[in-house]
Amino acid sequence: MSYIDRRDDMVAESAVVNPVVDYHDRVRWGPIIAGIVIAIATQLILSALGAAIGFSARAANGWAVGIWAIVSLLISLFLGGWVMARTCGPMNSKTALLNGAILWATTLAVSSWLLASGVTGAFGAVAANAGEVLNQVQQPGGVELPNQAPNINEAQVAANAARASWSFIIGSLLGLAAAMIGASVGARKPRRHTA
C-alpha cells in the first residue's frame, strides 16, 4: 500500500492483486498424450540406436542390451514427463507428479499393448509358416529337419523367468521415477501478478 499526503489527510491506495487461477481438474490429458507420443518415439529411436550399435559391434552382450534398454526407457520417460509438464499450464509440484505418474502408467499400458500386438502378429506369421513346413515334412520326399531340440532345464527356465520379472518390476519403478522427475523439472510454477 502506498500513502499520499493531501491537505493533511492520509489517503491509502491499495495495490491490485490478480489471483492465480488454478485448474479445476488436476489431470491434463492433452499434455499427457503429447508426453506419451514423445516417450514412445524416443524409446523407439533409442532402441534402434542400441540395435545399430549392437549389430555393428557383432558382439551382442545380454547385459549390455539389458542395461541399454533400461537407460533408454529412463531417458524416454524423463523426456516424456518433461514435455508433458512444459505443454501444460502452470501447476504445483503435486499436480506435476500426478500427471507424471499417469503418463508413466499410460505409456506402460500402451507399450504393453503394442508389444503384445506385435508378438501375437509375429507368432501368427510363424504359426502359418510352420504349418507349411510340417506339411512338407509329412509328405514323402518332403523336407527333412534335423532333430536338434535343445535340452530344456525347468529350473533354468524358472530362474530366467524370475530374473525377467524382477527386471521388469525394477525397470518399471525406475521408469515411474524418471517420468515423475521429468514432470517435476518441466513444471512451470504458478506466478502471482501484482499491478
Protein backbone atom coordinates (compact mmCIF):
# COMPACT_ATOMS: atom_id res chain seq x y z
CA MET A 1 0.00 0.00 0.00
CA SER A 2 1.15 3.49 -0.64
CA TYR A 3 0.13 6.65 1.15
CA ILE A 4 -0.35 10.06 -0.38
CA ASP A 5 -0.41 13.20 1.74
CA ARG A 6 -3.17 15.57 0.53
CA ARG A 7 -4.14 18.55 2.64
CA ASP A 8 -3.06 16.88 5.81
CA ASP A 9 -5.20 13.80 5.05
CA MET A 10 -3.70 10.38 4.56
CA VAL A 11 -5.26 8.54 1.62
CA ALA A 12 -4.42 4.91 1.12
CA GLU A 13 -4.19 3.40 -2.34
CA SER A 14 -4.47 -0.36 -2.43
CA ALA A 15 -2.44 -2.47 -4.82
CA VAL A 16 -4.38 -4.62 -7.27
CA VAL A 17 -3.51 -8.29 -6.98
CA ASN A 18 -4.56 -10.66 -9.74
CA PRO A 19 -5.47 -14.02 -8.26
CA VAL A 20 -3.70 -17.13 -9.50
CA VAL A 21 -6.10 -19.24 -11.47
CA ASP A 22 -5.80 -22.91 -10.60
CA TYR A 23 -7.17 -25.66 -12.81
CA HIS A 24 -10.38 -27.17 -11.57
CA ASP A 25 -9.13 -30.58 -12.66
CA ARG A 26 -5.69 -31.94 -11.90
CA VAL A 27 -5.29 -34.33 -14.82
CA ARG A 28 -4.44 -32.73 -18.16
CA TRP A 29 -4.91 -35.38 -20.88
CA GLY A 30 -3.74 -33.29 -23.83
CA PRO A 31 -0.25 -32.79 -22.40
CA ILE A 32 -0.19 -36.40 -21.14
CA ILE A 33 -0.88 -37.70 -24.66
CA ALA A 34 1.83 -35.39 -26.02
CA GLY A 35 4.24 -36.80 -23.44
CA ILE A 36 3.29 -40.39 -24.32
CA VAL A 37 3.93 -39.79 -28.01
CA ILE A 38 7.33 -38.23 -27.23
CA ALA A 39 8.22 -41.05 -24.80
CA ILE A 40 7.33 -43.84 -27.23
CA ALA A 41 9.05 -42.12 -30.18
CA THR A 42 12.18 -41.52 -28.11
CA GLN A 43 12.14 -45.15 -26.91
CA LEU A 44 11.88 -46.41 -30.50
CA ILE A 45 14.75 -44.22 -31.68
CA LEU A 46 16.98 -45.12 -28.74
CA SER A 47 16.18 -48.82 -29.21
CA ALA A 48 17.08 -48.56 -32.89
CA LEU A 49 20.32 -46.81 -31.94
CA GLY A 50 21.15 -49.59 -29.48
CA ALA A 51 20.38 -52.25 -32.09
CA ALA A 52 22.50 -50.47 -34.71
CA ILE A 53 25.45 -50.24 -32.34
CA GLY A 54 24.98 -53.85 -31.21
CA PHE A 55 24.79 -55.21 -34.76
CA SER A 56 27.77 -53.10 -35.81
CA ALA A 57 29.86 -54.48 -32.95
CA ARG A 58 28.62 -58.04 -33.65
CA ALA A 59 29.19 -58.84 -30.02
CA ALA A 60 25.75 -58.52 -28.54
CA ASN A 61 26.19 -58.96 -24.82
CA GLY A 62 22.96 -59.75 -22.96
CA TRP A 63 23.88 -57.48 -20.06
CA ALA A 64 24.72 -54.57 -22.35
CA VAL A 65 21.40 -54.95 -24.16
CA GLY A 66 19.51 -55.05 -20.86
CA ILE A 67 21.31 -52.02 -19.46
CA TRP A 68 20.74 -50.06 -22.67
CA ALA A 69 17.03 -51.00 -22.61
CA ILE A 70 16.67 -49.62 -19.08
CA VAL A 71 18.73 -46.48 -19.79
CA SER A 72 16.77 -45.73 -22.96
CA LEU A 73 13.50 -46.30 -21.08
CA LEU A 74 14.55 -43.85 -18.36
CA ILE A 75 15.62 -41.23 -20.89
CA SER A 76 12.40 -41.54 -22.88
CA LEU A 77 10.12 -41.39 -19.82
CA PHE A 78 12.04 -38.43 -18.38
CA LEU A 79 11.71 -36.60 -21.70
CA GLY A 80 8.03 -37.56 -21.99
CA GLY A 81 7.36 -36.25 -18.46
CA TRP A 82 9.23 -33.04 -19.19
CA VAL A 83 7.32 -32.42 -22.44
CA MET A 84 4.04 -33.20 -20.68
CA ALA A 85 4.77 -30.63 -17.98
CA ARG A 86 6.01 -27.97 -20.41
CA THR A 87 2.90 -28.26 -22.60
CA CYS A 88 0.66 -27.91 -19.57
CA GLY A 89 -0.26 -24.65 -17.92
CA PRO A 90 1.29 -23.63 -14.62
CA MET A 91 0.86 -26.29 -11.94
CA ASN A 92 2.06 -27.06 -8.47
CA SER A 93 4.51 -29.88 -7.81
CA LYS A 94 1.87 -32.36 -6.61
CA THR A 95 -0.12 -31.93 -9.82
CA ALA A 96 3.05 -32.34 -11.88
CA LEU A 97 3.90 -35.57 -10.05
CA LEU A 98 0.34 -36.87 -10.50
CA ASN A 99 0.40 -36.17 -14.25
CA GLY A 100 3.87 -37.74 -14.50
CA ALA A 101 2.60 -40.92 -12.81
CA ILE A 102 -0.39 -41.06 -15.16
CA LEU A 103 1.95 -40.55 -18.14
CA TRP A 104 4.09 -43.47 -16.93
CA ALA A 105 1.11 -45.78 -16.37
CA THR A 106 -0.48 -44.94 -19.70
CA THR A 107 2.83 -45.34 -21.55
CA LEU A 108 3.33 -48.73 -19.87
CA ALA A 109 -0.18 -49.86 -20.88
CA VAL A 110 0.14 -48.61 -24.48
CA SER A 111 3.64 -50.10 -24.86
CA SER A 112 2.46 -53.45 -23.48
CA TRP A 113 -0.46 -53.46 -25.90
CA LEU A 114 1.84 -52.61 -28.83
CA LEU A 115 4.30 -55.32 -27.78
CA ALA A 116 1.54 -57.91 -27.37
CA SER A 117 0.06 -57.00 -30.74
CA GLY A 118 3.44 -57.28 -32.41
CA VAL A 119 4.29 -60.53 -30.68
CA THR A 120 0.96 -62.14 -31.49
CA GLY A 121 1.30 -60.92 -35.06
CA ALA A 122 4.78 -62.41 -35.27
CA PHE A 123 3.61 -65.69 -33.71
CA GLY A 124 0.72 -65.79 -36.15
CA ALA A 125 3.11 -65.49 -39.08
CA VAL A 126 5.42 -68.14 -37.61
CA ALA A 127 2.49 -70.48 -36.99
CA ALA A 128 1.25 -70.06 -40.56
CA ASN A 129 4.71 -70.81 -41.96
CA ALA A 130 5.25 -73.68 -39.52
CA GLY A 131 2.10 -75.32 -40.88
CA GLU A 132 3.58 -75.26 -44.39
CA VAL A 133 6.87 -76.74 -43.16
CA LEU A 134 5.05 -79.53 -41.30
CA ASN A 135 3.02 -80.35 -44.41
CA GLN A 136 6.23 -80.69 -46.42
CA VAL A 137 7.87 -82.84 -43.74
CA GLN A 138 4.92 -85.22 -43.58
CA GLN A 139 4.79 -85.71 -47.35
CA PRO A 140 7.04 -88.33 -48.91
CA GLY A 141 10.13 -86.70 -50.30
CA GLY A 142 9.49 -83.60 -48.19
CA VAL A 143 11.99 -81.54 -46.25
CA GLU A 144 13.94 -83.37 -43.57
CA LEU A 145 14.58 -81.34 -40.47
CA PRO A 146 17.38 -82.37 -38.12
CA ASN A 147 16.31 -83.20 -34.58
CA GLN A 148 18.37 -80.69 -32.62
CA ALA A 149 15.90 -79.73 -29.94
CA PRO A 150 17.68 -78.14 -27.02
CA ASN A 151 17.67 -79.85 -23.66
CA ILE A 152 15.23 -77.77 -21.59
CA ASN A 153 16.01 -77.47 -17.92
CA GLU A 154 12.90 -76.44 -15.99
CA ALA A 155 14.89 -74.90 -13.14
CA GLN A 156 16.81 -72.72 -15.59
CA VAL A 157 13.58 -71.63 -17.29
CA ALA A 158 12.09 -70.70 -13.89
CA ALA A 159 15.26 -68.81 -12.93
CA ASN A 160 15.23 -66.88 -16.21
CA ALA A 161 11.51 -66.07 -15.81
CA ALA A 162 12.11 -64.84 -12.25
CA ARG A 163 15.05 -62.70 -13.39
CA ALA A 164 12.95 -61.24 -16.22
CA SER A 165 10.07 -60.50 -13.85
CA TRP A 166 12.31 -58.76 -11.31
CA SER A 167 13.99 -56.78 -14.10
CA PHE A 168 10.59 -55.67 -15.38
CA ILE A 169 9.48 -54.57 -11.91
CA ILE A 170 12.69 -52.66 -11.16
CA GLY A 171 12.80 -51.11 -14.63
CA SER A 172 9.15 -50.08 -14.37
CA LEU A 173 9.62 -48.44 -10.98
CA LEU A 174 12.71 -46.63 -12.23
CA GLY A 175 10.64 -45.52 -15.22
CA LEU A 176 7.97 -44.19 -12.86
CA ALA A 177 10.63 -42.19 -11.02
CA ALA A 178 12.04 -40.86 -14.31
CA ALA A 179 8.61 -39.74 -15.55
CA MET A 180 7.81 -38.02 -12.26
CA ILE A 181 11.22 -36.31 -12.10
CA GLY A 182 10.83 -35.14 -15.70
CA ALA A 183 7.36 -33.78 -14.92
CA SER A 184 8.65 -32.03 -11.80
CA VAL A 185 11.60 -30.47 -13.64
CA GLY A 186 9.43 -29.35 -16.56
CA ALA A 187 6.57 -27.94 -14.48
CA ARG A 188 6.03 -24.22 -14.69
CA LYS A 189 5.17 -22.82 -11.31
CA PRO A 190 2.10 -20.61 -10.84
CA ARG A 191 3.05 -16.93 -10.65
CA ARG A 192 1.34 -14.26 -8.68
CA HIS A 193 0.94 -11.00 -10.57
CA THR A 194 0.76 -7.67 -8.82
CA ALA A 195 -0.05 -4.45 -10.56
